Amino acid sequence: MNIARLRAALCAALGMVAPVVAMAGNGPDGYPARPVTVVVPFSPGGGSDNIARYIASRLNDRLGASVIVENRPGAGTNIGNEFVARAAADGYTLLFGQVTLSINPSLYPKLRYDVTQDFTPIAHIANSPTVLLVSATSSFKDVKTFTTYAKQHPGEVNYGSGGAGTSVHLAGYLFASQNTLDMQHVPYKGSGPAMVDLIGGQIQAMFDTAPSAVPQVAGGKVKVLAVTGDQPLEALPGVPTFAQAGYPQFNAPVWYGLLAPTGVAKPIVSYLNEQVNLILDEPETRQRLAQLGSMPVKGSPEAFGRFIAQESDRWRAVVQSAGVTKD
């Protein structure tokens, strides 16, 4: 076959394949007809990223087109959040949102996106508890011994977090204020460095999200005194909730969910919501989320939107009380 005929054959083959690729999606009007990008506003390898990648892999199997995870970390998740808020409202750029969407509007006076106006909630995926960690060699046996010591030694207990204004920092502030504890907050650039200092004894305690803490607990380097939420966590057997430990007023959940830029067609939003809920029904998904320290949450886009609004009210009060602002 000469070159001209080879080119003609290749063009014909590509012409036959192209319509199949374009109509590969299983959703309304053939959606998605090309790869879908899920933006994770965190660095690879963390708790949020692990959950996002699992859900994306299952969506990849169900949608009939590739689902790609793209990490856009920085500025307290604002870089990734703003990127999606400004993306085309066509259903091909989605945000793996997190509790920071409920916190940042109160934390950043100059925020360049509006959570209510710039995003369409798609599906609530999971909630994770916040945990109180101490070193594995610590003498603290439970929350009561910890709080008793902190009250008897005002200003001497240092607790770390993944950064000022993060949900775990605010959780620590909330716990201290509810129990009239004078503790010193030590902010770190991420939970990793804070964990290192906790293990090494440079700080006495740390508030962290369960997905981040579970691997360290499994490795025997730290121990958990309690978890927030209504029920104990499967990944941390034997660890009580704060309510069970005698502190029912303390709760600081971390949530994860899928959102899109405002304006995405309702049939696409409904389709994605349905697919996520079906994924959350799968025993394998429930098992994987449990391993990652999270609990699945199903519901409608409207219910997810109401939940975000409620959480925004919760964290607004905490941010204002803490007097924390960021540029």
C-alpha atoms as a PDB file:
ATOM      1  CA  MET A   1       0.000   0.000   0.000  1.00  0.00           C
ATOM      2  CA  ASN A   2       1.444   3.404  -0.997  1.00  0.00           C
ATOM      3  CA  ILE A   3       1.569   6.389   1.370  1.00  0.00           C
ATOM      4  CA  ALA A   4      -1.504   8.082  -0.115  1.00  0.00           C
ATOM      5  CA  ARG A   5      -3.615   4.977   0.296  1.00  0.00           C
ATOM      6  CA  LEU A   6      -2.262   4.459   3.836  1.00  0.00           C
ATOM      7  CA  ARG A   7      -3.245   8.000   4.756  1.00  0.00           C
ATOM      8  CA  ALA A   8      -6.697   7.508   3.293  1.00  0.00           C
ATOM      9  CA  ALA A   9      -7.150   4.285   5.223  1.00  0.00           C
ATOM     10  CA  LEU A  10      -6.068   5.917   8.473  1.00  0.00           C
ATOM     11  CA  CYS A  11      -8.381   8.883   7.934  1.00  0.00           C
ATOM     12  CA  ALA A  12     -11.286   6.566   7.213  1.00  0.00           C
ATOM     13  CA  ALA A  13     -10.547   4.563  10.352  1.00  0.00           C
ATOM     14  CA  LEU A  14     -10.349   7.684  12.481  1.00  0.00           C
ATOM     15  CA  GLY A  15     -13.578   8.937  10.983  1.00  0.00           C
ATOM     16  CA  MET A  16     -15.302   5.736  12.002  1.00  0.00           C
ATOM     17  CA  VAL A  17     -13.910   5.839  15.534  1.00  0.00           C
ATOM     18  CA  ALA A  18     -14.568   9.521  16.282  1.00  0.00           C
ATOM     19  CA  PRO A  19     -18.375   9.285  16.528  1.00  0.00           C
ATOM     20  CA  VAL A  20     -18.062   6.361  18.949  1.00  0.00           C
ATOM     21  CA  VAL A  21     -15.727   8.331  21.224  1.00  0.00           C
ATOM     22  CA  ALA A  22     -17.955  11.410  21.085  1.00  0.00           C
ATOM     23  CA  MET A  23     -20.993   9.420  22.185  1.00  0.00           C
ATOM     24  CA  ALA A  24     -19.209   7.317  24.797  1.00  0.00           C
ATOM     25  CA  GLY A  25     -20.948   8.844  27.796  1.00  0.00           C
ATOM     26  CA  ASN A  26     -23.820   7.086  29.543  1.00  0.00           C
ATOM     27  CA  GLY A  27     -25.567  10.252  30.746  1.00  0.00           C
ATOM     28  CA  PRO A  28     -28.066  12.725  29.237  1.00  0.00           C
ATOM     29  CA  ASP A  29     -27.355  13.623  25.589  1.00  0.00           C
ATOM     30  CA  GLY A  30     -24.276  11.418  25.605  1.00  0.00           C
ATOM     31  CA  TYR A  31     -22.632  13.191  28.544  1.00  0.00           C
ATOM     32  CA  PRO A  32     -19.748  12.954  29.154  1.00  0.00           C
ATOM     33  CA  ALA A  33     -18.410  13.005  25.596  1.00  0.00           C
ATOM     34  CA  ARG A  34     -14.859  13.740  26.738  1.00  0.00           C
ATOM     35  CA  PRO A  35     -12.807  13.373  29.935  1.00  0.00           C
ATOM     36  CA  VAL A  36     -14.160  14.931  33.145  1.00  0.00           C
ATOM     37  CA  THR A  37     -11.697  16.648  35.478  1.00  0.00           C
ATOM     38  CA  VAL A  38     -12.188  16.545  39.246  1.00  0.00           C
ATOM     39  CA  VAL A  39     -10.121  19.277  40.890  1.00  0.00           C
ATOM     40  CA  VAL A  40      -8.766  18.472  44.353  1.00  0.00           C
ATOM     41  CA  PRO A  41      -7.577  21.632  46.141  1.00  0.00           C
ATOM     42  CA  PHE A  42      -4.977  19.686  48.120  1.00  0.00           C
ATOM     43  CA  SER A  43      -1.618  18.094  47.410  1.00  0.00           C
ATOM     44  CA  PRO A  44      -1.550  14.427  46.358  1.00  0.00           C
ATOM     45  CA  GLY A  45      -1.476  11.748  49.019  1.00  0.00           C
ATOM     46  CA  GLY A  46      -3.521  13.307  51.799  1.00  0.00           C
ATOM     47  CA  GLY A  47      -6.819  12.154  53.243  1.00  0.00           C
ATOM     48  CA  SER A  48      -8.972  14.304  50.955  1.00  0.00           C
ATOM     49  CA  ASP A  49      -6.979  13.283  47.901  1.00  0.00           C
ATOM     50  CA  ASN A  50      -7.303   9.589  48.714  1.00  0.00           C
ATOM     51  CA  ILE A  51     -11.090   9.826  49.009  1.00  0.00           C
ATOM     52  CA  ALA A  52     -11.329  11.929  45.851  1.00  0.00           C
ATOM     53  CA  ARG A  53      -9.262   9.469  43.829  1.00  0.00           C
ATOM     54  CA  TYR A  54     -11.347   6.513  44.939  1.00  0.00           C
ATOM     55  CA  ILE A  55     -14.630   8.219  44.033  1.00  0.00           C
ATOM     56  CA  ALA A  56     -13.146   9.402  40.727  1.00  0.00           C
ATOM     57  CA  SER A  57     -12.055   5.868  39.872  1.00  0.00           C
ATOM     58  CA  ARG A  58     -15.572   4.573  40.461  1.00  0.00           C
ATOM     59  CA  LEU A  59     -17.101   7.414  38.437  1.00  0.00           C
ATOM     60  CA  ASN A  60     -14.652   6.542  35.678  1.00  0.00           C
ATOM     61  CA  ASP A  61     -16.205   3.070  35.542  1.00  0.00           C
ATOM     62  CA  ARG A  62     -19.790   4.324  35.565  1.00  0.00           C
ATOM     63  CA  LEU A  63     -19.813   7.410  33.334  1.00  0.00           C
ATOM     64  CA  GLY A  64     -18.447   5.821  30.178  1.00  0.00           C
ATOM     65  CA  ALA A  65     -15.611   8.360  29.917  1.00  0.00           C
ATOM     66  CA  SER A  66     -12.367   9.112  31.727  1.00  0.00           C
ATOM     67  CA  VAL A  67     -12.485  10.939  35.047  1.00  0.00           C
ATOM     68  CA  ILE A  68      -9.182  12.649  35.789  1.00  0.00           C
ATOM     69  CA  VAL A  69      -8.071  13.965  39.182  1.00  0.00           C
ATOM     70  CA  GLU A  70      -6.135  17.231  39.060  1.00  0.00           C
ATOM     71  CA  ASN A  71      -4.482  18.568  42.207  1.00  0.00           C
ATOM     72  CA  ARG A  72      -4.479  22.363  42.578  1.00  0.00           C
ATOM     73  CA  PRO A  73      -3.319  23.002  46.159  1.00  0.00           C
ATOM     74  CA  GLY A  74      -2.557  26.294  47.841  1.00  0.00           C
ATOM     75  CA  ALA A  75      -3.986  29.294  49.675  1.00  0.00           C
ATOM     76  CA  GLY A  76      -6.095  27.216  52.022  1.00  0.00           C
ATOM     77  CA  THR A  77      -7.822  25.460  49.055  1.00  0.00           C
ATOM     78  CA  ASN A  78      -8.727  28.811  47.460  1.00  0.00           C
ATOM     79  CA  ILE A  79      -6.611  28.213  44.349  1.00  0.00           C
ATOM     80  CA  GLY A  80      -8.478  25.058  43.411  1.00  0.00           C
ATOM     81  CA  ASN A  81     -11.849  26.408  44.526  1.00  0.00           C
ATOM     82  CA  GLU A  82     -11.488  29.586  42.475  1.00  0.00           C
ATOM     83  CA  PHE A  83     -10.293  27.649  39.430  1.00  0.00           C
ATOM     84  CA  VAL A  84     -13.489  25.610  39.381  1.00  0.00           C
ATOM     85  CA  ALA A  85     -15.678  28.621  40.170  1.00  0.00           C
ATOM     86  CA  ARG A  86     -14.332  30.269  36.998  1.00  0.00           C
ATOM     87  CA  ALA A  87     -14.475  27.149  34.810  1.00  0.00           C
ATOM     88  CA  ALA A  88     -17.009  26.568  32.052  1.00  0.00           C
ATOM     89  CA  ALA A  89     -20.368  25.398  33.389  1.00  0.00           C
ATOM     90  CA  ASP A  90     -20.520  22.363  31.131  1.00  0.00           C
ATOM     91  CA  GLY A  91     -20.055  19.516  33.607  1.00  0.00           C
ATOM     92  CA  TYR A  92     -16.479  18.752  32.582  1.00  0.00           C
ATOM     93  CA  THR A  93     -14.741  20.528  35.478  1.00  0.00           C
ATOM     94  CA  LEU A  94     -15.870  19.526  38.965  1.00  0.00           C
ATOM     95  CA  LEU A  95     -14.625  20.328  42.465  1.00  0.00           C
ATOM     96  CA  PHE A  96     -13.972  17.825  45.199  1.00  0.00           C
ATOM     97  CA  GLY A  97     -15.091  20.260  47.877  1.00  0.00           C
ATOM     98  CA  GLN A  98     -14.374  20.070  51.554  1.00  0.00           C
ATOM     99  CA  VAL A  99     -15.262  21.782  54.823  1.00  0.00           C
ATOM    100  CA  THR A 100     -13.048  24.745  53.873  1.00  0.00           C
ATOM    101  CA  LEU A 101     -15.906  25.919  51.634  1.00  0.00           C
ATOM    102  CA  SER A 102     -17.868  26.455  54.854  1.00  0.00           C
ATOM    103  CA  ILE A 103     -14.957  28.183  56.605  1.00  0.00           C
ATOM    104  CA  ASN A 104     -13.159  30.324  54.017  1.00  0.00           C
ATOM    105  CA  PRO A 105     -15.926  32.891  53.417  1.00  0.00           C
ATOM    106  CA  SER A 106     -15.581  33.938  57.068  1.00  0.00           C
ATOM    107  CA  LEU A 107     -11.806  33.548  57.176  1.00  0.00           C
ATOM    108  CA  TYR A 108     -10.748  35.450  54.032  1.00  0.00           C
ATOM    109  CA  PRO A 109     -12.202  38.981  53.749  1.00  0.00           C
ATOM    110  CA  LYS A 110     -11.018  39.274  50.124  1.00  0.00           C
ATOM    111  CA  LEU A 111     -12.204  35.906  48.834  1.00  0.00           C
ATOM    112  CA  ARG A 112     -12.529  36.008  45.044  1.00  0.00           C
ATOM    113  CA  TYR A 113     -15.403  33.568  44.746  1.00  0.00           C
ATOM    114  CA  ASP A 114     -18.798  33.212  46.379  1.00  0.00           C
ATOM    115  CA  VAL A 115     -19.649  29.734  47.627  1.00  0.00           C
ATOM    116  CA  THR A 116     -23.382  30.331  47.291  1.00  0.00           C
ATOM    117  CA  GLN A 117     -23.328  32.074  43.917  1.00  0.00           C
ATOM    118  CA  ASP A 118     -20.441  30.369  42.097  1.00  0.00           C
ATOM    119  CA  PHE A 119     -21.034  26.676  42.814  1.00  0.00           C
ATOM    120  CA  THR A 120     -23.756  24.130  42.187  1.00  0.00           C
ATOM    121  CA  PRO A 121     -23.825  21.350  44.818  1.00  0.00           C
ATOM    122  CA  ILE A 122     -23.923  17.903  43.212  1.00  0.00           C
ATOM    123  CA  ALA A 123     -23.492  15.266  45.901  1.00  0.00           C
ATOM    124  CA  HIS A 124     -22.526  14.995  49.541  1.00  0.00           C
ATOM    125  CA  ILE A 125     -20.012  12.126  49.617  1.00  0.00           C
ATOM    126  CA  ALA A 126     -18.746  11.599  53.152  1.00  0.00           C
ATOM    127  CA  ASN A 127     -18.158  13.021  56.607  1.00  0.00           C
ATOM    128  CA  SER A 128     -15.053  12.455  58.687  1.00  0.00           C
ATOM    129  CA  PRO A 129     -14.617  13.099  62.381  1.00  0.00           C
ATOM    130  CA  THR A 130     -12.007  15.353  63.896  1.00  0.00           C
ATOM    131  CA  VAL A 131      -9.796  13.499  66.359  1.00  0.00           C
ATOM    132  CA  LEU A 132      -7.731  14.486  69.383  1.00  0.00           C
ATOM    133  CA  LEU A 133      -4.291  12.916  69.166  1.00  0.00           C
ATOM    134  CA  VAL A 134      -1.447  12.549  71.651  1.00  0.00           C
ATOM    135  CA  SER A 135       1.868  10.751  71.396  1.00  0.00           C
ATOM    136  CA  ALA A 136       1.814   6.990  71.851  1.00  0.00           C
ATOM    137  CA  THR A 137       4.084   7.475  74.871  1.00  0.00           C
ATOM    138  CA  SER A 138       1.897  10.182  76.417  1.00  0.00           C
ATOM    139  CA  SER A 139       0.527   9.709  79.940  1.00  0.00           C
ATOM    140  CA  PHE A 140      -2.896  10.980  78.821  1.00  0.00           C
ATOM    141  CA  LYS A 141      -5.245   8.013  78.886  1.00  0.00           C
ATOM    142  CA  ASP A 142      -8.478   9.749  77.884  1.00  0.00           C
ATOM    143  CA  VAL A 143     -10.014  13.162  77.275  1.00  0.00           C
ATOM    144  CA  LYS A 144     -10.716  13.701  80.969  1.00  0.00           C
ATOM    145  CA  THR A 145      -7.077  13.272  82.014  1.00  0.00           C
ATOM    146  CA  PHE A 146      -6.072  15.576  79.171  1.00  0.00           C
ATOM    147  CA  THR A 147      -8.467  18.368  80.121  1.00  0.00           C
ATOM    148  CA  THR A 148      -7.686  17.996  83.824  1.00  0.00           C
ATOM    149  CA  TYR A 149      -3.981  18.437  83.114  1.00  0.00           C
ATOM    150  CA  ALA A 150      -4.617  21.405  80.812  1.00  0.00           C
ATOM    151  CA  LYS A 151      -6.697  23.149  83.491  1.00  0.00           C
ATOM    152  CA  GLN A 152      -4.045  22.538  86.124  1.00  0.00           C
ATOM    153  CA  HIS A 153      -1.279  23.815  83.822  1.00  0.00           C
ATOM    154  CA  PRO A 154      -2.717  26.862  82.029  1.00  0.00           C
ATOM    155  CA  GLY A 155      -0.718  28.000  79.021  1.00  0.00           C
ATOM    156  CA  GLU A 156       1.600  24.980  79.156  1.00  0.00           C
ATOM    157  CA  VAL A 157      -0.207  22.619  76.778  1.00  0.00           C
ATOM    158  CA  ASN A 158       0.649  23.153  73.116  1.00  0.00           C
ATOM    159  CA  TYR A 159      -1.623  21.706  70.475  1.00  0.00           C
ATOM    160  CA  GLY A 160      -0.721  21.589  66.819  1.00  0.00           C
ATOM    161  CA  SER A 161      -2.763  21.696  63.644  1.00  0.00           C
ATOM    162  CA  GLY A 162      -2.259  21.781  59.895  1.00  0.00           C
ATOM    163  CA  GLY A 163      -2.386  25.574  59.875  1.00  0.00           C
ATOM    164  CA  ALA A 164      -4.052  28.675  61.266  1.00  0.00           C
ATOM    165  CA  GLY A 165      -7.682  28.923  60.216  1.00  0.00           C
ATOM    166  CA  THR A 166      -7.969  25.275  59.201  1.00  0.00           C
ATOM    167  CA  SER A 167     -10.899  23.232  60.430  1.00  0.00           C
ATOM    168  CA  VAL A 168      -8.636  21.363  62.847  1.00  0.00           C
ATOM    169  CA  HIS A 169      -7.215  24.571  64.308  1.00  0.00           C
ATOM    170  CA  LEU A 170     -10.731  25.922  64.780  1.00  0.00           C
ATOM    171  CA  ALA A 171     -11.802  22.596  66.275  1.00  0.00           C
ATOM    172  CA  GLY A 172      -9.038  22.908  68.850  1.00  0.00           C
ATOM    173  CA  TYR A 173     -10.056  26.482  69.608  1.00  0.00           C
ATOM    174  CA  LEU A 174     -13.686  25.418  69.976  1.00  0.00           C
ATOM    175  CA  PHE A 175     -12.795  22.570  72.339  1.00  0.00           C
ATOM    176  CA  ALA A 176     -10.620  24.849  74.457  1.00  0.00           C
ATOM    177  CA  SER A 177     -13.249  27.596  74.669  1.00  0.00           C
ATOM    178  CA  GLN A 178     -16.031  25.169  75.565  1.00  0.00           C
ATOM    179  CA  ASN A 179     -13.971  23.748  78.409  1.00  0.00           C
ATOM    180  CA  THR A 180     -12.240  26.981  79.540  1.00  0.00           C
ATOM    181  CA  LEU A 181      -8.797  25.625  78.699  1.00  0.00           C
ATOM    182  CA  ASP A 182      -5.791  27.888  78.211  1.00  0.00           C
ATOM    183  CA  MET A 183      -3.908  26.011  75.487  1.00  0.00           C
ATOM    184  CA  GLN A 184      -1.386  27.370  72.994  1.00  0.00           C
ATOM    185  CA  HIS A 185      -2.003  26.750  69.300  1.00  0.00           C
ATOM    186  CA  VAL A 186       1.029  25.883  67.169  1.00  0.00           C
ATOM    187  CA  PRO A 187       0.246  26.167  63.440  1.00  0.00           C
ATOM    188  CA  TYR A 188       2.160  24.070  60.906  1.00  0.00           C
ATOM    189  CA  LYS A 189       2.252  24.023  57.136  1.00  0.00           C
ATOM    190  CA  GLY A 190       0.211  20.851  56.894  1.00  0.00           C
ATOM    191  CA  SER A 191      -0.596  17.994  59.225  1.00  0.00           C
ATOM    192  CA  GLY A 192       2.585  16.074  58.327  1.00  0.00           C
ATOM    193  CA  PRO A 193       5.038  18.401  60.109  1.00  0.00           C
ATOM    194  CA  ALA A 194       2.658  18.707  63.062  1.00  0.00           C
ATOM    195  CA  MET A 195       2.496  14.926  63.322  1.00  0.00           C
ATOM    196  CA  VAL A 196       6.289  14.701  63.355  1.00  0.00           C
ATOM    197  CA  ASP A 197       6.510  17.112  66.279  1.00  0.00           C
ATOM    198  CA  LEU A 198       3.699  15.343  68.123  1.00  0.00           C
ATOM    199  CA  ILE A 199       5.509  12.030  67.831  1.00  0.00           C
ATOM    200  CA  GLY A 200       8.758  13.713  68.880  1.00  0.00           C
ATOM    201  CA  GLY A 201       7.202  15.383  71.928  1.00  0.00           C
ATOM    202  CA  GLN A 202       7.597  18.998  70.800  1.00  0.00           C
ATOM    203  CA  ILE A 203       3.843  19.461  71.196  1.00  0.00           C
ATOM    204  CA  GLN A 204       1.532  17.674  73.608  1.00  0.00           C
ATOM    205  CA  ALA A 205      -1.563  17.228  71.433  1.00  0.00           C
ATOM    206  CA  MET A 206      -2.943  17.662  67.967  1.00  0.00           C
ATOM    207  CA  PHE A 207      -6.350  17.998  66.388  1.00  0.00           C
ATOM    208  CA  ASP A 208      -6.532  16.324  62.990  1.00  0.00           C
ATOM    209  CA  THR A 209      -8.954  14.787  60.534  1.00  0.00           C
ATOM    210  CA  ALA A 210      -9.492  11.046  60.806  1.00  0.00           C
ATOM    211  CA  PRO A 211      -8.319  10.220  57.231  1.00  0.00           C
ATOM    212  CA  SER A 212      -5.006  11.897  57.997  1.00  0.00           C
ATOM    213  CA  ALA A 213      -4.644  10.381  61.454  1.00  0.00           C
ATOM    214  CA  VAL A 214      -5.673   6.757  60.859  1.00  0.00           C
ATOM    215  CA  PRO A 215      -2.401   5.639  59.166  1.00  0.00           C
ATOM    216  CA  GLN A 216      -0.324   7.113  62.007  1.00  0.00           C
ATOM    217  CA  VAL A 217      -2.503   5.455  64.620  1.00  0.00           C
ATOM    218  CA  ALA A 218      -2.181   2.130  62.801  1.00  0.00           C
ATOM    219  CA  GLY A 219       1.588   2.554  62.853  1.00  0.00           C
ATOM    220  CA  GLY A 220       1.557   2.873  66.647  1.00  0.00           C
ATOM    221  CA  LYS A 221       3.141   6.338  66.670  1.00  0.00           C
ATOM    222  CA  VAL A 222       0.163   8.215  68.146  1.00  0.00           C
ATOM    223  CA  LYS A 223      -3.020   7.419  70.035  1.00  0.00           C
ATOM    224  CA  VAL A 224      -6.491   8.861  69.716  1.00  0.00           C
ATOM    225  CA  LEU A 225      -8.360  10.026  72.799  1.00  0.00           C
ATOM    226  CA  ALA A 226     -11.726  10.631  71.110  1.00  0.00           C
ATOM    227  CA  VAL A 227     -13.482  11.329  67.823  1.00  0.00           C
ATOM    228  CA  THR A 228     -16.234  13.790  67.001  1.00  0.00           C
ATOM    229  CA  GLY A 229     -19.532  12.578  65.592  1.00  0.00           C
ATOM    230  CA  ASP A 230     -22.498  10.525  66.694  1.00  0.00           C
ATOM    231  CA  GLN A 231     -20.848   7.123  66.546  1.00  0.00           C
ATOM    232  CA  PRO A 232     -17.418   5.532  66.959  1.00  0.00           C
ATOM    233  CA  LEU A 233     -15.305   5.139  63.855  1.00  0.00           C
ATOM    234  CA  GLU A 234     -14.791   1.681  62.393  1.00  0.00           C
ATOM    235  CA  ALA A 235     -11.181   2.493  61.501  1.00  0.00           C
ATOM    236  CA  LEU A 236     -10.443   3.351  65.155  1.00  0.00           C
ATOM    237  CA  PRO A 237     -11.942   0.491  67.183  1.00  0.00           C
ATOM    238  CA  GLY A 238     -12.298   1.132  70.878  1.00  0.00           C
ATOM    239  CA  VAL A 239     -11.979   4.906  70.577  1.00  0.00           C
ATOM    240  CA  PRO A 240     -14.991   6.719  72.090  1.00  0.00           C
ATOM    241  CA  THR A 241     -16.789   9.718  70.689  1.00  0.00           C
ATOM    242  CA  PHE A 242     -16.404  12.976  72.591  1.00  0.00           C
ATOM    243  CA  ALA A 243     -20.008  12.561  73.712  1.00  0.00           C
ATOM    244  CA  GLN A 244     -19.230   9.125  75.134  1.00  0.00           C
ATOM    245  CA  ALA A 245     -16.173  10.587  76.832  1.00  0.00           C
ATOM    246  CA  GLY A 246     -18.325  13.186  78.583  1.00  0.00           C
ATOM    247  CA  TYR A 247     -18.072  16.130  76.170  1.00  0.00           C
ATOM    248  CA  PRO A 248     -21.333  16.019  74.197  1.00  0.00           C
ATOM    249  CA  GLN A 249     -21.245  19.695  73.233  1.00  0.00           C
ATOM    250  CA  PHE A 250     -18.100  19.327  71.123  1.00  0.00           C
ATOM    251  CA  ASN A 251     -18.543  18.496  67.456  1.00  0.00           C
ATOM    252  CA  ALA A 252     -16.442  19.535  64.466  1.00  0.00           C
ATOM    253  CA  PRO A 253     -17.175  17.357  61.433  1.00  0.00           C
ATOM    254  CA  VAL A 254     -15.221  17.485  58.205  1.00  0.00           C
ATOM    255  CA  TRP A 255     -17.261  16.974  55.052  1.00  0.00           C
ATOM    256  CA  TYR A 256     -16.467  16.063  51.450  1.00  0.00           C
ATOM    257  CA  GLY A 257     -18.607  16.455  48.373  1.00  0.00           C
ATOM    258  CA  LEU A 258     -18.779  17.107  44.655  1.00  0.00           C
ATOM    259  CA  LEU A 259     -19.648  20.519  43.217  1.00  0.00           C
ATOM    260  CA  ALA A 260     -19.703  22.181  39.800  1.00  0.00           C
ATOM    261  CA  PRO A 261     -19.587  25.766  38.565  1.00  0.00           C
ATOM    262  CA  THR A 262     -22.976  27.467  38.720  1.00  0.00           C
ATOM    263  CA  GLY A 263     -24.986  27.005  35.536  1.00  0.00           C
ATOM    264  CA  VAL A 264     -24.386  23.318  34.813  1.00  0.00           C
ATOM    265  CA  ALA A 265     -27.510  21.824  33.253  1.00  0.00           C
ATOM    266  CA  LYS A 266     -29.852  20.218  35.786  1.00  0.00           C
ATOM    267  CA  PRO A 267     -29.986  16.865  33.961  1.00  0.00           C
ATOM    268  CA  ILE A 268     -26.190  16.581  34.283  1.00  0.00           C
ATOM    269  CA  VAL A 269     -26.312  17.523  37.979  1.00  0.00           C
ATOM    270  CA  SER A 270     -29.051  14.955  38.597  1.00  0.00           C
ATOM    271  CA  TYR A 271     -27.172  12.291  36.656  1.00  0.00           C
ATOM    272  CA  LEU A 272     -23.925  12.845  38.568  1.00  0.00           C
ATOM    273  CA  ASN A 273     -25.802  12.862  41.871  1.00  0.00           C
ATOM    274  CA  GLU A 274     -27.448   9.567  40.994  1.00  0.00           C
ATOM    275  CA  GLN A 275     -24.124   7.974  40.046  1.00  0.00           C
ATOM    276  CA  VAL A 276     -22.398   9.117  43.243  1.00  0.00           C
ATOM    277  CA  ASN A 277     -25.250   7.787  45.377  1.00  0.00           C
ATOM    278  CA  LEU A 278     -25.076   4.439  43.578  1.00  0.00           C
ATOM    279  CA  ILE A 279     -21.337   4.336  44.240  1.00  0.00           C
ATOM    280  CA  LEU A 280     -21.932   5.065  47.923  1.00  0.00           C
ATOM    281  CA  ASP A 281     -24.325   2.100  48.048  1.00  0.00           C
ATOM    282  CA  GLU A 282     -21.578  -0.291  46.976  1.00  0.00           C
ATOM    283  CA  PRO A 283     -20.183  -2.435  49.825  1.00  0.00           C
ATOM    284  CA  GLU A 284     -16.676  -1.930  48.438  1.00  0.00           C
ATOM    285  CA  THR A 285     -17.079   1.836  48.664  1.00  0.00           C
ATOM    286  CA  ARG A 286     -18.359   1.716  52.220  1.00  0.00           C
ATOM    287  CA  GLN A 287     -15.462  -0.513  53.178  1.00  0.00           C
ATOM    288  CA  ARG A 288     -12.913   1.762  51.501  1.00  0.00           C
ATOM    289  CA  LEU A 289     -14.334   4.908  53.104  1.00  0.00           C
ATOM    290  CA  ALA A 290     -14.300   3.188  56.488  1.00  0.00           C
ATOM    291  CA  GLN A 291     -10.626   2.349  55.964  1.00  0.00           C
ATOM    292  CA  LEU A 292     -10.022   6.026  55.183  1.00  0.00           C
ATOM    293  CA  GLY A 293     -11.735   7.145  58.373  1.00  0.00           C
ATOM    294  CA  SER A 294     -14.913   8.408  56.740  1.00  0.00           C
ATOM    295  CA  MET A 295     -18.612   7.597  56.614  1.00  0.00           C
ATOM    296  CA  PRO A 296     -20.668   7.830  53.398  1.00  0.00           C
ATOM    297  CA  VAL A 297     -23.475  10.371  53.178  1.00  0.00           C
ATOM    298  CA  LYS A 298     -26.128  10.087  50.486  1.00  0.00           C
ATOM    299  CA  GLY A 299     -28.641  12.710  49.468  1.00  0.00           C
ATOM    300  CA  SER A 300     -29.946  15.132  46.876  1.00  0.00           C
ATOM    301  CA  PRO A 301     -28.101  18.182  45.500  1.00  0.00           C
ATOM    302  CA  GLU A 302     -30.588  20.367  47.355  1.00  0.00           C
ATOM    303  CA  ALA A 303     -29.934  18.622  50.672  1.00  0.00           C
ATOM    304  CA  PHE A 304     -26.197  19.007  50.132  1.00  0.00           C
ATOM    305  CA  GLY A 305     -26.646  22.727  49.501  1.00  0.00           C
ATOM    306  CA  ARG A 306     -28.600  23.121  52.743  1.00  0.00           C
ATOM    307  CA  PHE A 307     -25.919  21.203  54.617  1.00  0.00           C
ATOM    308  CA  ILE A 308     -23.170  23.507  53.317  1.00  0.00           C
ATOM    309  CA  ALA A 309     -25.199  26.527  54.423  1.00  0.00           C
ATOM    310  CA  GLN A 310     -25.683  25.066  57.921  1.00  0.00           C
ATOM    311  CA  GLU A 311     -21.982  24.304  58.236  1.00  0.00           C
ATOM    312  CA  SER A 312     -21.160  27.829  57.073  1.00  0.00           C
ATOM    313  CA  ASP A 313     -23.255  29.205  59.942  1.00  0.00           C
ATOM    314  CA  ARG A 314     -21.490  26.888  62.402  1.00  0.00           C
ATOM    315  CA  TRP A 315     -17.980  27.868  61.346  1.00  0.00           C
ATOM    316  CA  ARG A 316     -18.754  31.558  60.938  1.00  0.00           C
ATOM    317  CA  ALA A 317     -19.484  31.758  64.644  1.00  0.00           C
ATOM    318  CA  VAL A 318     -16.251  29.918  65.516  1.00  0.00           C
ATOM    319  CA  VAL A 319     -14.081  32.048  63.191  1.00  0.00           C
ATOM    320  CA  GLN A 320     -15.549  35.255  64.591  1.00  0.00           C
ATOM    321  CA  SER A 321     -15.045  34.086  68.168  1.00  0.00           C
ATOM    322  CA  ALA A 322     -11.450  33.057  67.437  1.00  0.00           C
ATOM    323  CA  GLY A 323     -10.740  36.390  65.749  1.00  0.00           C
ATOM    324  CA  VAL A 324      -8.829  34.729  62.909  1.00  0.00           C
ATOM    325  CA  THR A 325      -8.521  36.376  59.486  1.00  0.00           C
ATOM    326  CA  LYS A 326      -6.240  35.720  56.528  1.00  0.00           C
ATOM    327  CA  ASP A 327      -5.240  37.764  53.503  1.00  0.00           C
END
